[in-house]
N, C-alpha and C. Protein backbone atom coordinates (compact mmCIF):
# COMPACT_ATOMS: atom_id res chain seq x y z
N MET A 1 -102.33 -77.43 -24.66
CA MET A 1 -103.33 -76.38 -24.66
C MET A 1 -104.43 -76.66 -23.64
N TRP A 2 -105.04 -77.85 -23.68
CA TRP A 2 -106.13 -78.14 -22.78
C TRP A 2 -105.66 -78.31 -21.35
N GLN A 3 -104.36 -78.56 -21.13
CA GLN A 3 -103.84 -78.65 -19.77
C GLN A 3 -103.95 -77.30 -19.08
N SER A 4 -103.65 -76.24 -19.80
CA SER A 4 -103.76 -74.91 -19.20
C SER A 4 -105.21 -74.54 -18.93
N THR A 5 -106.13 -75.02 -19.76
CA THR A 5 -107.55 -74.78 -19.53
C THR A 5 -108.01 -75.50 -18.27
N LEU A 6 -107.57 -76.74 -18.10
CA LEU A 6 -107.92 -77.48 -16.88
C LEU A 6 -107.35 -76.80 -15.64
N PHE A 7 -106.11 -76.34 -15.75
CA PHE A 7 -105.48 -75.67 -14.63
C PHE A 7 -106.21 -74.37 -14.30
N GLY A 8 -106.61 -73.63 -15.33
CA GLY A 8 -107.38 -72.40 -15.12
C GLY A 8 -108.72 -72.67 -14.47
N TYR A 9 -109.38 -73.75 -14.89
CA TYR A 9 -110.65 -74.13 -14.27
C TYR A 9 -110.44 -74.49 -12.80
N ALA A 10 -109.38 -75.23 -12.52
CA ALA A 10 -109.09 -75.62 -11.13
C ALA A 10 -108.86 -74.38 -10.27
N LEU A 11 -108.16 -73.39 -10.80
CA LEU A 11 -107.94 -72.16 -10.05
C LEU A 11 -109.23 -71.36 -9.89
N ALA A 12 -110.08 -71.39 -10.89
CA ALA A 12 -111.34 -70.63 -10.82
C ALA A 12 -112.31 -71.25 -9.82
N THR A 13 -112.18 -72.53 -9.54
CA THR A 13 -113.10 -73.16 -8.59
C THR A 13 -112.83 -72.75 -7.15
N VAL A 14 -111.64 -72.26 -6.85
CA VAL A 14 -111.31 -71.89 -5.47
C VAL A 14 -112.21 -70.75 -4.96
N PRO A 15 -112.29 -69.60 -5.64
CA PRO A 15 -113.18 -68.56 -5.11
C PRO A 15 -114.66 -68.95 -5.17
N VAL A 16 -115.05 -69.73 -6.18
CA VAL A 16 -116.44 -70.18 -6.26
C VAL A 16 -116.76 -71.07 -5.07
N PHE A 17 -115.84 -71.96 -4.71
CA PHE A 17 -116.01 -72.83 -3.56
C PHE A 17 -116.16 -72.02 -2.28
N ILE A 18 -115.35 -70.99 -2.12
CA ILE A 18 -115.41 -70.16 -0.91
C ILE A 18 -116.73 -69.41 -0.82
N VAL A 19 -117.16 -68.82 -1.92
CA VAL A 19 -118.42 -68.07 -1.92
C VAL A 19 -119.59 -69.01 -1.64
N LEU A 20 -119.62 -70.17 -2.27
CA LEU A 20 -120.70 -71.11 -2.02
C LEU A 20 -120.68 -71.60 -0.57
N GLY A 21 -119.48 -71.77 -0.01
CA GLY A 21 -119.38 -72.18 1.39
C GLY A 21 -119.95 -71.13 2.33
N VAL A 22 -119.68 -69.87 2.05
CA VAL A 22 -120.22 -68.79 2.88
C VAL A 22 -121.73 -68.72 2.75
N VAL A 23 -122.23 -68.84 1.52
CA VAL A 23 -123.68 -68.82 1.31
C VAL A 23 -124.34 -70.00 2.01
N ALA A 24 -123.74 -71.17 1.89
CA ALA A 24 -124.30 -72.36 2.53
C ALA A 24 -124.31 -72.21 4.05
N GLN A 25 -123.29 -71.60 4.60
CA GLN A 25 -123.21 -71.43 6.05
C GLN A 25 -124.19 -70.38 6.55
N LEU A 26 -124.28 -69.26 5.85
CA LEU A 26 -125.17 -68.18 6.30
C LEU A 26 -126.64 -68.50 6.08
N ALA A 27 -126.95 -69.06 4.93
CA ALA A 27 -128.35 -69.34 4.60
C ALA A 27 -128.79 -70.74 4.99
N ARG A 28 -127.84 -71.54 5.44
CA ARG A 28 -128.12 -72.95 5.77
C ARG A 28 -128.81 -73.64 4.59
N SER A 29 -128.30 -73.35 3.41
CA SER A 29 -128.87 -73.87 2.18
C SER A 29 -128.24 -75.20 1.82
N ARG A 30 -129.07 -76.19 1.68
CA ARG A 30 -128.59 -77.52 1.31
C ARG A 30 -128.14 -77.55 -0.15
N VAL A 31 -128.82 -76.78 -0.99
CA VAL A 31 -128.46 -76.72 -2.41
C VAL A 31 -127.08 -76.09 -2.57
N ALA A 32 -126.81 -75.02 -1.84
CA ALA A 32 -125.50 -74.36 -1.92
C ALA A 32 -124.41 -75.29 -1.41
N ARG A 33 -124.71 -76.06 -0.36
CA ARG A 33 -123.71 -77.00 0.16
C ARG A 33 -123.39 -78.09 -0.86
N ARG A 34 -124.41 -78.60 -1.52
CA ARG A 34 -124.19 -79.62 -2.55
C ARG A 34 -123.41 -79.04 -3.73
N ALA A 35 -123.75 -77.83 -4.13
CA ALA A 35 -123.02 -77.19 -5.22
C ALA A 35 -121.56 -76.97 -4.84
N MET A 36 -121.33 -76.59 -3.59
CA MET A 36 -119.97 -76.38 -3.09
C MET A 36 -119.17 -77.68 -3.18
N GLU A 37 -119.79 -78.78 -2.80
CA GLU A 37 -119.12 -80.08 -2.85
C GLU A 37 -118.78 -80.47 -4.29
N LEU A 38 -119.70 -80.24 -5.20
CA LEU A 38 -119.45 -80.56 -6.61
C LEU A 38 -118.33 -79.70 -7.20
N VAL A 39 -118.32 -78.42 -6.84
CA VAL A 39 -117.27 -77.53 -7.33
C VAL A 39 -115.91 -77.99 -6.79
N LEU A 40 -115.87 -78.36 -5.52
CA LEU A 40 -114.61 -78.83 -4.93
C LEU A 40 -114.13 -80.11 -5.61
N LEU A 41 -115.01 -81.06 -5.79
CA LEU A 41 -114.63 -82.32 -6.43
C LEU A 41 -114.15 -82.11 -7.87
N SER A 42 -114.88 -81.30 -8.61
CA SER A 42 -114.47 -81.08 -10.01
C SER A 42 -113.18 -80.29 -10.10
N GLY A 43 -112.96 -79.35 -9.18
CA GLY A 43 -111.72 -78.59 -9.17
C GLY A 43 -110.51 -79.45 -8.85
N VAL A 44 -110.67 -80.34 -7.89
CA VAL A 44 -109.57 -81.25 -7.53
C VAL A 44 -109.27 -82.19 -8.69
N ALA A 45 -110.31 -82.69 -9.34
CA ALA A 45 -110.10 -83.59 -10.47
C ALA A 45 -109.43 -82.86 -11.63
N ALA A 46 -109.84 -81.65 -11.91
CA ALA A 46 -109.22 -80.88 -13.00
C ALA A 46 -107.77 -80.59 -12.69
N PHE A 47 -107.47 -80.23 -11.45
CA PHE A 47 -106.09 -79.96 -11.06
C PHE A 47 -105.24 -81.22 -11.19
N ALA A 48 -105.79 -82.36 -10.77
CA ALA A 48 -105.04 -83.61 -10.87
C ALA A 48 -104.78 -83.99 -12.32
N LEU A 49 -105.77 -83.81 -13.17
CA LEU A 49 -105.57 -84.13 -14.59
C LEU A 49 -104.57 -83.18 -15.24
N ALA A 50 -104.62 -81.91 -14.87
CA ALA A 50 -103.67 -80.95 -15.44
C ALA A 50 -102.25 -81.29 -15.02
N LEU A 51 -102.07 -81.68 -13.78
CA LEU A 51 -100.73 -82.06 -13.32
C LEU A 51 -100.30 -83.39 -13.92
N GLY A 52 -101.24 -84.30 -14.04
CA GLY A 52 -100.91 -85.63 -14.55
C GLY A 52 -100.48 -85.64 -15.99
N THR A 53 -101.02 -84.75 -16.78
CA THR A 53 -100.64 -84.71 -18.19
C THR A 53 -99.26 -84.10 -18.38
N LEU A 54 -98.82 -83.34 -17.40
CA LEU A 54 -97.50 -82.73 -17.49
C LEU A 54 -96.41 -83.63 -16.92
N ALA A 55 -96.81 -84.66 -16.23
CA ALA A 55 -95.85 -85.51 -15.53
C ALA A 55 -95.48 -86.73 -16.37
N ASP A 56 -94.21 -87.11 -16.30
CA ASP A 56 -93.76 -88.33 -16.95
C ASP A 56 -93.40 -89.41 -15.93
N ASP A 57 -93.38 -89.03 -14.67
CA ASP A 57 -92.98 -89.95 -13.62
C ASP A 57 -94.13 -90.91 -13.30
N ALA A 58 -93.82 -92.18 -13.13
CA ALA A 58 -94.84 -93.19 -12.86
C ALA A 58 -95.54 -92.96 -11.52
N VAL A 59 -94.82 -92.45 -10.54
CA VAL A 59 -95.42 -92.20 -9.23
C VAL A 59 -96.48 -91.11 -9.33
N GLN A 60 -96.24 -90.11 -10.12
CA GLN A 60 -97.23 -89.05 -10.29
C GLN A 60 -98.45 -89.56 -11.03
N TRP A 61 -98.27 -90.46 -11.96
CA TRP A 61 -99.42 -91.05 -12.66
C TRP A 61 -100.27 -91.86 -11.71
N VAL A 62 -99.63 -92.58 -10.78
CA VAL A 62 -100.39 -93.33 -9.77
C VAL A 62 -101.19 -92.37 -8.90
N LEU A 63 -100.56 -91.27 -8.50
CA LEU A 63 -101.25 -90.27 -7.68
C LEU A 63 -102.44 -89.68 -8.43
N VAL A 64 -102.25 -89.37 -9.68
CA VAL A 64 -103.35 -88.81 -10.48
C VAL A 64 -104.47 -89.83 -10.64
N SER A 65 -104.12 -91.08 -10.84
CA SER A 65 -105.14 -92.13 -10.96
C SER A 65 -105.93 -92.27 -9.66
N MET A 66 -105.23 -92.20 -8.54
CA MET A 66 -105.92 -92.29 -7.25
C MET A 66 -106.84 -91.09 -7.04
N LEU A 67 -106.40 -89.90 -7.43
CA LEU A 67 -107.26 -88.71 -7.30
C LEU A 67 -108.48 -88.81 -8.21
N ALA A 68 -108.29 -89.34 -9.40
CA ALA A 68 -109.43 -89.51 -10.32
C ALA A 68 -110.43 -90.51 -9.74
N LEU A 69 -109.91 -91.59 -9.15
CA LEU A 69 -110.79 -92.58 -8.51
C LEU A 69 -111.53 -91.95 -7.34
N LEU A 70 -110.83 -91.14 -6.56
CA LEU A 70 -111.46 -90.45 -5.44
C LEU A 70 -112.55 -89.52 -5.94
N PHE A 71 -112.32 -88.85 -7.06
CA PHE A 71 -113.34 -87.98 -7.63
C PHE A 71 -114.58 -88.77 -8.02
N VAL A 72 -114.39 -89.91 -8.67
CA VAL A 72 -115.53 -90.71 -9.11
C VAL A 72 -116.31 -91.23 -7.90
N VAL A 73 -115.60 -91.73 -6.89
CA VAL A 73 -116.27 -92.23 -5.69
C VAL A 73 -117.01 -91.10 -4.99
N GLY A 74 -116.39 -89.94 -4.86
CA GLY A 74 -117.05 -88.80 -4.24
C GLY A 74 -118.27 -88.35 -5.01
N LEU A 75 -118.19 -88.38 -6.32
CA LEU A 75 -119.33 -87.99 -7.14
C LEU A 75 -120.48 -88.98 -6.98
N VAL A 76 -120.18 -90.27 -6.95
CA VAL A 76 -121.22 -91.28 -6.76
C VAL A 76 -121.87 -91.11 -5.38
N MET A 77 -121.07 -90.91 -4.35
CA MET A 77 -121.62 -90.71 -3.01
C MET A 77 -122.48 -89.45 -2.96
N HIS A 78 -122.05 -88.42 -3.67
CA HIS A 78 -122.81 -87.18 -3.70
C HIS A 78 -124.16 -87.38 -4.38
N VAL A 79 -124.17 -88.06 -5.49
CA VAL A 79 -125.44 -88.30 -6.20
C VAL A 79 -126.36 -89.19 -5.37
N ARG A 80 -125.81 -90.18 -4.71
CA ARG A 80 -126.62 -91.05 -3.87
C ARG A 80 -127.21 -90.30 -2.68
N SER A 81 -126.52 -89.28 -2.19
CA SER A 81 -127.04 -88.52 -1.05
C SER A 81 -128.33 -87.77 -1.41
N TYR A 82 -128.50 -87.44 -2.68
CA TYR A 82 -129.74 -86.79 -3.09
C TYR A 82 -130.92 -87.73 -2.91
N SER A 83 -130.74 -88.99 -3.25
CA SER A 83 -131.87 -89.91 -3.14
C SER A 83 -132.18 -90.26 -1.68
N ARG A 84 -131.18 -90.22 -0.82
CA ARG A 84 -131.39 -90.51 0.60
C ARG A 84 -132.04 -89.33 1.33
N SER A 85 -131.73 -88.11 0.93
CA SER A 85 -132.25 -86.94 1.65
C SER A 85 -133.68 -86.60 1.28
N SER A 86 -134.20 -87.16 0.21
CA SER A 86 -135.57 -86.83 -0.22
C SER A 86 -136.61 -87.52 0.60
């Protein structure tokens, strides 16, 4: 059940990411750019978790683990960028 919810969230992040990207580009808004990055990272992580729970193959689990690690590292770098830009 929750796998389909994660997959739905991952699909819903695509148009949100595009709209935020357009707003960030047109308005040169730093807040919109940061929000776009967060939406992208969370969408990729949700998609990876949704696929990973459906997979029984060990190689796919390694891929999902690497994507989750990439999400955490990207999130940490994103949060740190707030303190550097102030």
